[in-house]
Amino acid sequence: MAEERRKRATEAFYGRRHGKTLRPKQGAALEVFLATALIDLQRDPPADLGSLFADPVETVRLEIGFGGGEHLFSEVARHPQTGFIGVEPFVNGMAKMASAIVDAGGLPGNLRVYNDDATVLLDWLPEGGLSGIDLLYPDPWPKKRHWKRRFVSPVNLDRFARVLRPGGLFRFASDIDTYVDWTLQHCRAHPAFEWRAGSAEDWRTPYGGWPGTRYEAKAVREGRTPAYLTFRRITMEEMARQ
């Protein structure tokens, strides 16, 4: 029964798990990648998330739904002192990341991944263990009857608030205006988050070091304007003053 509930939760936030059949080389790269990088949630979570990584890290960030890994791969290289956990249930996206890792010469010591429901990982992580969470171009579930499947929700924001340390950042990017508005409304209604924007340029400008993604390129080609939102996990003292 618990497994059935977990599967239903997974299906609520994303669609298919598989795309085109992997080529033998892709399949081999994926197998090696997961054997070394996959986090085992059957084990108890470490009190110090840094112990998950082969290299010493000072902070740990999470990217949910990294797609083909363009942004995650770039951030891993740009911030060697930060540990990154990437979540991607879509097999072909994980395989693309695995191939990029092989081409780059091997698994970076500051990268781990998880290939299933991000909510399960969030519930496994220790309280206050993350310095940042990125949710970039998630499935928008554009039809109103599907909005309940959007990852941003009061329940998942509670999860974010639990695992983010005070001052940690939740970053959200999308080209779907209804999802941008949805996220703004939900985050501004949540007592643990503060929107960091002083002007319109703050949400129109990509994050520092932004490499661009294929989803973003498609949005721009089709005339949609991306938005880049940043929310800060406020402290208990700040929450008490609200």
Protein backbone atom coordinates (compact mmCIF):
# COMPACT_ATOMS: atom_id res chain seq x y z
CA MET A 1 0.00 0.00 0.00
CA ALA A 2 2.82 2.43 0.83
CA GLU A 3 4.45 1.67 -2.51
CA GLU A 4 1.14 2.29 -4.28
CA ARG A 5 0.73 5.66 -2.59
CA ARG A 6 4.30 6.57 -3.53
CA LYS A 7 3.64 5.75 -7.18
CA ARG A 8 0.48 7.85 -7.19
CA ALA A 9 2.43 10.77 -5.72
CA THR A 10 5.04 10.38 -8.44
CA GLU A 11 2.46 10.36 -11.21
CA ALA A 12 0.89 13.51 -9.83
CA PHE A 13 3.88 15.72 -10.64
CA TYR A 14 5.24 14.45 -13.95
CA GLY A 15 4.12 12.38 -16.91
CA ARG A 16 5.98 9.68 -18.77
CA ARG A 17 9.13 8.04 -17.45
CA HIS A 18 10.58 6.88 -20.79
CA GLY A 19 11.11 8.40 -24.24
CA LYS A 20 12.96 6.90 -27.17
CA THR A 21 14.77 3.62 -26.61
CA LEU A 22 18.31 4.28 -25.44
CA ARG A 23 21.19 3.36 -27.72
CA PRO A 24 23.57 0.74 -26.28
CA LYS A 25 26.23 3.37 -25.56
CA GLN A 26 23.69 5.55 -23.75
CA GLY A 27 22.42 2.62 -21.75
CA ALA A 28 25.93 1.63 -20.70
CA ALA A 29 26.75 5.20 -19.65
CA LEU A 30 23.54 5.41 -17.65
CA GLU A 31 24.21 2.13 -15.87
CA VAL A 32 27.70 3.23 -14.79
CA PHE A 33 26.47 6.68 -13.82
CA LEU A 34 23.68 5.42 -11.59
CA ALA A 35 25.94 2.80 -10.00
CA THR A 36 28.22 5.56 -8.72
CA ALA A 37 26.01 8.65 -8.40
CA LEU A 38 22.58 7.38 -7.30
CA ILE A 39 21.55 8.18 -3.71
CA ASP A 40 20.26 5.17 -1.78
CA LEU A 41 17.20 6.24 0.19
CA GLN A 42 17.06 2.87 1.92
CA ARG A 43 19.86 4.14 4.13
CA ASP A 44 19.33 6.67 6.90
CA PRO A 45 20.03 10.24 5.79
CA PRO A 46 23.34 11.62 7.02
CA ALA A 47 23.26 14.41 9.56
CA ASP A 48 25.83 16.17 7.37
CA LEU A 49 24.79 16.07 3.71
CA GLY A 50 28.34 16.84 2.71
CA SER A 51 29.24 13.25 3.52
CA LEU A 52 27.27 12.14 0.45
CA PHE A 53 29.95 13.53 -1.84
CA ALA A 54 33.38 12.27 -2.79
CA ASP A 55 34.86 15.78 -2.65
CA PRO A 56 34.64 18.08 0.39
CA VAL A 57 31.80 20.59 -0.01
CA GLU A 58 30.69 23.56 2.05
CA THR A 59 27.01 23.67 1.11
CA VAL A 60 24.50 21.47 -0.73
CA ARG A 61 21.94 22.44 -3.36
CA LEU A 62 19.10 20.51 -4.97
CA GLU A 63 17.78 20.75 -8.53
CA ILE A 64 14.40 19.13 -9.14
CA GLY A 65 13.71 17.95 -12.68
CA PHE A 66 17.02 18.78 -14.33
CA GLY A 67 15.90 17.63 -17.80
CA GLY A 68 18.94 17.14 -20.00
CA GLY A 69 21.19 18.54 -17.28
CA GLU A 70 22.40 21.70 -19.03
CA HIS A 71 21.99 23.93 -15.98
CA LEU A 72 22.99 21.33 -13.40
CA PHE A 73 26.14 20.30 -15.26
CA SER A 74 27.15 23.95 -15.60
CA GLU A 75 26.59 24.68 -11.91
CA VAL A 76 28.54 21.61 -10.81
CA ALA A 77 31.56 22.88 -12.75
CA ARG A 78 31.15 26.51 -11.63
CA HIS A 79 30.84 25.72 -7.91
CA PRO A 80 33.24 22.91 -6.96
CA GLN A 81 32.84 23.71 -3.24
CA THR A 82 29.08 23.10 -3.45
CA GLY A 83 27.51 19.66 -3.48
CA PHE A 84 24.66 19.19 -5.95
CA ILE A 85 21.81 16.69 -5.85
CA GLY A 86 19.93 16.41 -9.13
CA VAL A 87 16.51 14.77 -9.42
CA GLU A 88 15.22 13.54 -12.77
CA PRO A 89 12.70 10.69 -13.13
CA PHE A 90 12.71 10.82 -16.95
CA VAL A 91 15.11 8.08 -18.04
CA ASN A 92 16.20 9.82 -21.23
CA GLY A 93 17.09 13.00 -19.36
CA MET A 94 19.18 11.05 -16.87
CA ALA A 95 20.85 9.22 -19.78
CA LYS A 96 21.74 12.52 -21.43
CA MET A 97 23.35 13.69 -18.22
CA ALA A 98 25.23 10.38 -17.93
CA SER A 99 26.62 10.75 -21.45
CA ALA A 100 27.78 14.30 -20.68
CA ILE A 101 29.54 13.01 -17.57
CA VAL A 102 31.34 10.33 -19.61
CA ASP A 103 32.37 12.87 -22.25
CA ALA A 104 33.71 15.16 -19.52
CA GLY A 105 35.94 12.43 -18.13
CA GLY A 106 33.97 11.00 -15.22
CA LEU A 107 31.69 11.76 -12.31
CA PRO A 108 32.41 15.06 -10.54
CA GLY A 109 33.02 14.60 -6.85
CA ASN A 110 30.34 17.16 -5.97
CA LEU A 111 27.41 15.53 -7.78
CA ARG A 112 24.80 12.95 -6.72
CA VAL A 113 21.45 12.13 -8.32
CA TYR A 114 18.05 10.59 -7.63
CA ASN A 115 15.83 9.14 -10.36
CA ASP A 116 12.37 9.01 -8.81
CA ASP A 117 9.80 11.15 -7.01
CA ALA A 118 11.40 14.31 -5.62
CA THR A 119 8.95 14.40 -2.71
CA VAL A 120 10.34 11.11 -1.43
CA LEU A 121 13.84 12.57 -1.47
CA LEU A 122 12.66 15.78 0.20
CA ASP A 123 11.09 13.77 3.03
CA TRP A 124 14.35 11.80 3.42
CA LEU A 125 16.65 14.83 3.60
CA PRO A 126 17.59 16.19 7.05
CA GLU A 127 16.07 19.41 8.29
CA GLY A 128 17.95 22.54 7.21
CA GLY A 129 20.45 20.62 5.11
CA LEU A 130 20.15 22.58 1.86
CA SER A 131 21.35 26.04 0.88
CA GLY A 132 19.25 26.14 -2.27
CA ILE A 133 16.53 24.46 -4.34
CA ASP A 134 16.10 25.01 -8.08
CA LEU A 135 12.88 24.17 -9.92
CA LEU A 136 13.54 25.25 -13.51
CA TYR A 137 10.98 24.95 -16.29
CA PRO A 138 8.91 22.28 -14.54
CA ASP A 139 5.99 20.62 -16.28
CA PRO A 140 3.40 23.43 -16.27
CA TRP A 141 0.31 21.20 -16.43
CA PRO A 142 -1.39 24.06 -18.33
CA LYS A 143 -4.97 22.73 -18.25
CA LYS A 144 -6.84 24.03 -15.23
CA ARG A 145 -8.07 20.57 -14.26
CA HIS A 146 -4.40 19.49 -13.98
CA TRP A 147 -3.16 22.43 -11.88
CA LYS A 148 -3.24 20.22 -8.77
CA ARG A 149 -0.34 18.32 -10.35
CA ARG A 150 1.95 21.33 -10.34
CA PHE A 151 4.95 20.79 -8.09
CA VAL A 152 4.58 24.13 -6.37
CA SER A 153 1.92 23.60 -3.71
CA PRO A 154 1.44 24.38 -0.01
CA VAL A 155 2.51 20.84 0.91
CA ASN A 156 5.70 20.95 -1.16
CA LEU A 157 6.54 24.45 0.03
CA ASP A 158 6.31 23.05 3.56
CA ARG A 159 8.83 20.42 2.43
CA PHE A 160 11.09 23.11 0.99
CA ALA A 161 10.86 25.16 4.19
CA ARG A 162 11.88 22.14 6.28
CA VAL A 163 14.98 21.21 4.29
CA LEU A 164 16.21 24.73 3.45
CA ARG A 165 18.44 26.40 5.99
CA PRO A 166 17.47 29.97 7.03
CA GLY A 167 18.56 32.28 4.25
CA GLY A 168 18.49 29.46 1.70
CA LEU A 169 17.05 30.21 -1.73
CA PHE A 170 14.26 28.62 -3.74
CA ARG A 171 14.62 29.54 -7.42
CA PHE A 172 11.85 28.99 -9.95
CA ALA A 173 11.97 29.62 -13.70
CA SER A 174 9.15 29.21 -16.21
CA ASP A 175 7.83 30.64 -19.46
CA ILE A 176 4.20 29.85 -18.59
CA ASP A 177 2.62 32.99 -17.15
CA THR A 178 -0.13 31.15 -15.27
CA TYR A 179 2.48 29.00 -13.50
CA VAL A 180 4.60 32.04 -12.69
CA ASP A 181 1.57 33.75 -11.15
CA TRP A 182 0.65 30.50 -9.37
CA THR A 183 4.12 30.24 -7.84
CA LEU A 184 4.16 33.88 -6.77
CA GLN A 185 0.79 33.53 -5.07
CA HIS A 186 1.70 30.32 -3.27
CA CYS A 187 5.13 31.49 -2.11
CA ARG A 188 3.93 34.89 -0.97
CA ALA A 189 1.15 33.19 0.99
CA HIS A 190 3.62 30.85 2.71
CA PRO A 191 5.05 32.26 5.96
CA ALA A 192 8.52 30.81 5.40
CA PHE A 193 9.30 32.50 2.08
CA GLU A 194 10.10 36.03 0.97
CA TRP A 195 10.19 37.06 -2.70
CA ARG A 196 13.50 38.70 -3.55
CA ALA A 197 12.63 41.24 -6.22
CA GLY A 198 13.16 44.97 -6.11
CA SER A 199 12.13 45.65 -9.69
CA ALA A 200 10.83 43.91 -12.80
CA GLU A 201 14.39 43.42 -14.03
CA ASP A 202 15.04 41.11 -11.09
CA TRP A 203 12.65 38.50 -12.43
CA ARG A 204 13.26 39.14 -16.12
CA THR A 205 17.02 38.66 -15.85
CA PRO A 206 18.43 35.09 -15.84
CA TYR A 207 20.37 33.91 -12.82
CA GLY A 208 24.11 34.51 -12.72
CA GLY A 209 26.03 32.08 -14.90
CA TRP A 210 22.80 30.93 -16.54
CA PRO A 211 23.76 28.62 -19.46
CA GLY A 212 20.34 28.56 -21.09
CA THR A 213 18.34 25.38 -21.63
CA ARG A 214 16.61 23.77 -24.58
CA TYR A 215 13.25 24.45 -22.93
CA GLU A 216 14.07 28.12 -22.59
CA ALA A 217 15.24 28.34 -26.22
CA LYS A 218 11.98 26.78 -27.38
CA ALA A 219 9.96 29.24 -25.28
CA VAL A 220 11.77 32.23 -26.75
CA ARG A 221 11.33 30.90 -30.30
CA GLU A 222 7.62 30.57 -29.66
CA GLY A 223 7.34 34.10 -28.29
CA ARG A 224 7.00 33.37 -24.57
CA THR A 225 8.89 35.42 -21.98
CA PRO A 226 10.73 33.48 -19.27
CA ALA A 227 10.56 34.59 -15.66
CA TYR A 228 13.23 33.90 -13.02
CA LEU A 229 11.88 34.07 -9.47
CA THR A 230 13.92 33.84 -6.28
CA PHE A 231 12.49 33.30 -2.80
CA ARG A 232 14.43 33.37 0.47
CA ARG A 233 13.78 31.03 3.38
CA ILE A 234 13.29 33.50 6.20
CA THR A 235 14.37 32.90 9.80
CA MET A 236 12.10 31.97 12.69
CA GLU A 237 12.64 35.45 14.13
CA GLU A 238 11.46 37.04 10.90
CA MET A 239 8.44 34.75 10.81
CA ALA A 240 7.55 35.75 14.36
CA ARG A 241 7.62 39.45 13.41
CA GLN A 242 5.16 38.98 10.54
